[in-house]
Amino acid sequence: MKSLKGLTDEKLIESFEIAKQKELANDFIFILEKELKNRGLVKLVS
């Protein structure tokens, strides 16, 4: 989680989109999505 805090909003969104496209583990996608929600960015990727 600590490393997610170091990502810019843009990089976090990009990571989430790539994880969804590549169908990575649901746990990983959930963690990224949780961080997006914490930053109030969910609407940008919905």
PDB file of N, CA and C in Angstrom:
ATOM      1  N   MET A   1       0.813  -1.190   0.000  1.00  0.00           N
ATOM      2  CA  MET A   1       0.000   0.000   0.000  1.00  0.00           C
ATOM      3  C   MET A   1       0.858   1.256   0.000  1.00  0.00           C
ATOM      4  N   LYS A   2       1.970   1.189   0.684  1.00  0.00           N
ATOM      5  CA  LYS A   2       2.826   2.358   0.777  1.00  0.00           C
ATOM      6  C   LYS A   2       3.265   2.834  -0.606  1.00  0.00           C
ATOM      7  N   SER A   3       3.559   1.904  -1.500  1.00  0.00           N
ATOM      8  CA  SER A   3       4.021   2.281  -2.833  1.00  0.00           C
ATOM      9  C   SER A   3       2.907   2.917  -3.659  1.00  0.00           C
ATOM     10  N   LEU A   4       1.650   2.570  -3.392  1.00  0.00           N
ATOM     11  CA  LEU A   4       0.538   3.200  -4.108  1.00  0.00           C
ATOM     12  C   LEU A   4       0.447   4.682  -3.777  1.00  0.00           C
ATOM     13  N   LYS A   5       0.777   5.026  -2.557  1.00  0.00           N
ATOM     14  CA  LYS A   5       0.729   6.433  -2.137  1.00  0.00           C
ATOM     15  C   LYS A   5       1.716   7.276  -2.940  1.00  0.00           C
ATOM     16  N   GLY A   6       2.788   6.647  -3.418  1.00  0.00           N
ATOM     17  CA  GLY A   6       3.799   7.351  -4.186  1.00  0.00           C
ATOM     18  C   GLY A   6       3.422   7.585  -5.641  1.00  0.00           C
ATOM     19  N   LEU A   7       2.364   6.923  -6.104  1.00  0.00           N
ATOM     20  CA  LEU A   7       1.928   7.089  -7.493  1.00  0.00           C
ATOM     21  C   LEU A   7       1.146   8.386  -7.668  1.00  0.00           C
ATOM     22  N   THR A   8       1.362   9.021  -8.793  1.00  0.00           N
ATOM     23  CA  THR A   8       0.523  10.172  -9.119  1.00  0.00           C
ATOM     24  C   THR A   8      -0.869   9.658  -9.447  1.00  0.00           C
ATOM     25  N   ASP A   9      -1.849  10.547  -9.408  1.00  0.00           N
ATOM     26  CA  ASP A   9      -3.216  10.155  -9.759  1.00  0.00           C
ATOM     27  C   ASP A   9      -3.256   9.555 -11.156  1.00  0.00           C
ATOM     28  N   GLU A  10      -2.541  10.179 -12.072  1.00  0.00           N
ATOM     29  CA  GLU A  10      -2.512   9.712 -13.465  1.00  0.00           C
ATOM     30  C   GLU A  10      -1.966   8.285 -13.559  1.00  0.00           C
ATOM     31  N   LYS A  11      -0.876   8.018 -12.861  1.00  0.00           N
ATOM     32  CA  LYS A  11      -0.264   6.682 -12.896  1.00  0.00           C
ATOM     33  C   LYS A  11      -1.154   5.644 -12.215  1.00  0.00           C
ATOM     34  N   LEU A  12      -1.850   6.047 -11.157  1.00  0.00           N
ATOM     35  CA  LEU A  12      -2.761   5.131 -10.484  1.00  0.00           C
ATOM     36  C   LEU A  12      -3.901   4.735 -11.412  1.00  0.00           C
ATOM     37  N   ILE A  13      -4.476   5.707 -12.096  1.00  0.00           N
ATOM     38  CA  ILE A  13      -5.554   5.434 -13.053  1.00  0.00           C
ATOM     39  C   ILE A  13      -5.044   4.534 -14.171  1.00  0.00           C
ATOM     40  N   GLU A  14      -3.867   4.840 -14.677  1.00  0.00           N
ATOM     41  CA  GLU A  14      -3.264   4.035 -15.746  1.00  0.00           C
ATOM     42  C   GLU A  14      -3.040   2.590 -15.278  1.00  0.00           C
ATOM     43  N   SER A  15      -2.545   2.426 -14.074  1.00  0.00           N
ATOM     44  CA  SER A  15      -2.308   1.088 -13.522  1.00  0.00           C
ATOM     45  C   SER A  15      -3.609   0.313 -13.388  1.00  0.00           C
ATOM     46  N   PHE A  16      -4.659   0.987 -12.935  1.00  0.00           N
ATOM     47  CA  PHE A  16      -5.962   0.347 -12.790  1.00  0.00           C
ATOM     48  C   PHE A  16      -6.488  -0.119 -14.142  1.00  0.00           C
ATOM     49  N   GLU A  17      -6.405   0.747 -15.134  1.00  0.00           N
ATOM     50  CA  GLU A  17      -6.899   0.402 -16.470  1.00  0.00           C
ATOM     51  C   GLU A  17      -6.126  -0.774 -17.068  1.00  0.00           C
ATOM     52  N   ILE A  18      -4.821  -0.784 -16.899  1.00  0.00           N
ATOM     53  CA  ILE A  18      -3.995  -1.886 -17.409  1.00  0.00           C
ATOM     54  C   ILE A  18      -4.334  -3.184 -16.679  1.00  0.00           C
ATOM     55  N   ALA A  19      -4.501  -3.107 -15.367  1.00  0.00           N
ATOM     56  CA  ALA A  19      -4.841  -4.300 -14.585  1.00  0.00           C
ATOM     57  C   ALA A  19      -6.166  -4.894 -15.052  1.00  0.00           C
ATOM     58  N   LYS A  20      -7.138  -4.034 -15.340  1.00  0.00           N
ATOM     59  CA  LYS A  20      -8.437  -4.514 -15.828  1.00  0.00           C
ATOM     60  C   LYS A  20      -8.295  -5.134 -17.218  1.00  0.00           C
ATOM     61  N   GLN A  21      -7.542  -4.485 -18.105  1.00  0.00           N
ATOM     62  CA  GLN A  21      -7.358  -4.981 -19.471  1.00  0.00           C
ATOM     63  C   GLN A  21      -6.667  -6.336 -19.482  1.00  0.00           C
ATOM     64  N   LYS A  22      -5.673  -6.488 -18.632  1.00  0.00           N
ATOM     65  CA  LYS A  22      -4.884  -7.723 -18.607  1.00  0.00           C
ATOM     66  C   LYS A  22      -5.492  -8.773 -17.682  1.00  0.00           C
ATOM     67  N   GLU A  23      -6.648  -8.429 -17.115  1.00  0.00           N
ATOM     68  CA  GLU A  23      -7.366  -9.343 -16.220  1.00  0.00           C
ATOM     69  C   GLU A  23      -6.453  -9.888 -15.123  1.00  0.00           C
ATOM     70  N   LEU A  24      -5.760  -8.977 -14.453  1.00  0.00           N
ATOM     71  CA  LEU A  24      -4.894  -9.376 -13.345  1.00  0.00           C
ATOM     72  C   LEU A  24      -5.753  -9.820 -12.161  1.00  0.00           C
ATOM     73  N   ALA A  25      -5.123 -10.302 -11.123  1.00  0.00           N
ATOM     74  CA  ALA A  25      -5.825 -10.839  -9.958  1.00  0.00           C
ATOM     75  C   ALA A  25      -6.838  -9.838  -9.401  1.00  0.00           C
ATOM     76  N   ASN A  26      -8.006 -10.357  -9.053  1.00  0.00           N
ATOM     77  CA  ASN A  26      -9.063  -9.510  -8.508  1.00  0.00           C
ATOM     78  C   ASN A  26      -8.624  -8.771  -7.252  1.00  0.00           C
ATOM     79  N   ASP A  27      -7.790  -9.407  -6.429  1.00  0.00           N
ATOM     80  CA  ASP A  27      -7.309  -8.754  -5.212  1.00  0.00           C
ATOM     81  C   ASP A  27      -6.501  -7.508  -5.548  1.00  0.00           C
ATOM     82  N   PHE A  28      -5.664  -7.606  -6.570  1.00  0.00           N
ATOM     83  CA  PHE A  28      -4.846  -6.467  -6.988  1.00  0.00           C
ATOM     84  C   PHE A  28      -5.733  -5.344  -7.524  1.00  0.00           C
ATOM     85  N   ILE A  29      -6.706  -5.695  -8.339  1.00  0.00           N
ATOM     86  CA  ILE A  29      -7.631  -4.699  -8.885  1.00  0.00           C
ATOM     87  C   ILE A  29      -8.410  -4.044  -7.749  1.00  0.00           C
ATOM     88  N   PHE A  30      -8.832  -4.836  -6.764  1.00  0.00           N
ATOM     89  CA  PHE A  30      -9.567  -4.307  -5.617  1.00  0.00           C
ATOM     90  C   PHE A  30      -8.725  -3.287  -4.855  1.00  0.00           C
ATOM     91  N   ILE A  31      -7.456  -3.586  -4.648  1.00  0.00           N
ATOM     92  CA  ILE A  31      -6.560  -2.667  -3.932  1.00  0.00           C
ATOM     93  C   ILE A  31      -6.411  -1.355  -4.701  1.00  0.00           C
ATOM     94  N   LEU A  32      -6.231  -1.455  -6.016  1.00  0.00           N
ATOM     95  CA  LEU A  32      -6.124  -0.244  -6.833  1.00  0.00           C
ATOM     96  C   LEU A  32      -7.422   0.553  -6.782  1.00  0.00           C
ATOM     97  N   GLU A  33      -8.541  -0.142  -6.873  1.00  0.00           N
ATOM     98  CA  GLU A  33      -9.842   0.528  -6.847  1.00  0.00           C
ATOM     99  C   GLU A  33     -10.074   1.223  -5.505  1.00  0.00           C
ATOM    100  N   LYS A  34      -9.659   0.586  -4.430  1.00  0.00           N
ATOM    101  CA  LYS A  34      -9.793   1.180  -3.095  1.00  0.00           C
ATOM    102  C   LYS A  34      -8.993   2.479  -3.002  1.00  0.00           C
ATOM    103  N   GLU A  35      -7.784   2.475  -3.538  1.00  0.00           N
ATOM    104  CA  GLU A  35      -6.956   3.685  -3.531  1.00  0.00           C
ATOM    105  C   GLU A  35      -7.591   4.774  -4.393  1.00  0.00           C
ATOM    106  N   LEU A  36      -8.170   4.394  -5.537  1.00  0.00           N
ATOM    107  CA  LEU A  36      -8.872   5.364  -6.380  1.00  0.00           C
ATOM    108  C   LEU A  36     -10.016   6.008  -5.608  1.00  0.00           C
ATOM    109  N   LYS A  37     -10.766   5.201  -4.864  1.00  0.00           N
ATOM    110  CA  LYS A  37     -11.882   5.721  -4.064  1.00  0.00           C
ATOM    111  C   LYS A  37     -11.374   6.657  -2.978  1.00  0.00           C
ATOM    112  N   ASN A  38     -10.283   6.269  -2.326  1.00  0.00           N
ATOM    113  CA  ASN A  38      -9.708   7.106  -1.271  1.00  0.00           C
ATOM    114  C   ASN A  38      -9.308   8.478  -1.796  1.00  0.00           C
ATOM    115  N   ARG A  39      -8.875   8.522  -3.041  1.00  0.00           N
ATOM    116  CA  ARG A  39      -8.450   9.791  -3.649  1.00  0.00           C
ATOM    117  C   ARG A  39      -9.596  10.515  -4.355  1.00  0.00           C
ATOM    118  N   GLY A  40     -10.768   9.910  -4.373  1.00  0.00           N
ATOM    119  CA  GLY A  40     -11.916  10.526  -5.030  1.00  0.00           C
ATOM    120  C   GLY A  40     -11.827  10.495  -6.543  1.00  0.00           C
ATOM    121  N   LEU A  41     -11.149   9.490  -7.090  1.00  0.00           N
ATOM    122  CA  LEU A  41     -10.917   9.405  -8.534  1.00  0.00           C
ATOM    123  C   LEU A  41     -11.793   8.370  -9.227  1.00  0.00           C
ATOM    124  N   VAL A  42     -12.659   7.707  -8.496  1.00  0.00           N
ATOM    125  CA  VAL A  42     -13.443   6.611  -9.062  1.00  0.00           C
ATOM    126  C   VAL A  42     -14.243   7.038 -10.285  1.00  0.00           C
ATOM    127  N   LYS A  43     -14.816   8.209 -10.275  1.00  0.00           N
ATOM    128  CA  LYS A  43     -15.640   8.662 -11.403  1.00  0.00           C
ATOM    129  C   LYS A  43     -14.828   8.830 -12.680  1.00  0.00           C
ATOM    130  N   LEU A  44     -13.533   9.025 -12.553  1.00  0.00           N
ATOM    131  CA  LEU A  44     -12.686   9.205 -13.730  1.00  0.00           C
ATOM    132  C   LEU A  44     -12.469   7.903 -14.494  1.00  0.00           C
ATOM    133  N   VAL A  45     -12.621   6.775 -13.835  1.00  0.00           N
ATOM    134  CA  VAL A  45     -12.375   5.492 -14.491  1.00  0.00           C
ATOM    135  C   VAL A  45     -13.626   4.635 -14.621  1.00  0.00           C
ATOM    136  N   SER A  46     -14.730   5.097 -14.090  1.00  0.00           N
ATOM    137  CA  SER A  46     -15.980   4.318 -14.151  1.00  0.00           C
ATOM    138  C   SER A  46     -16.540   4.283 -15.544  1.00  0.00           C
TER     139      SER A  46
END
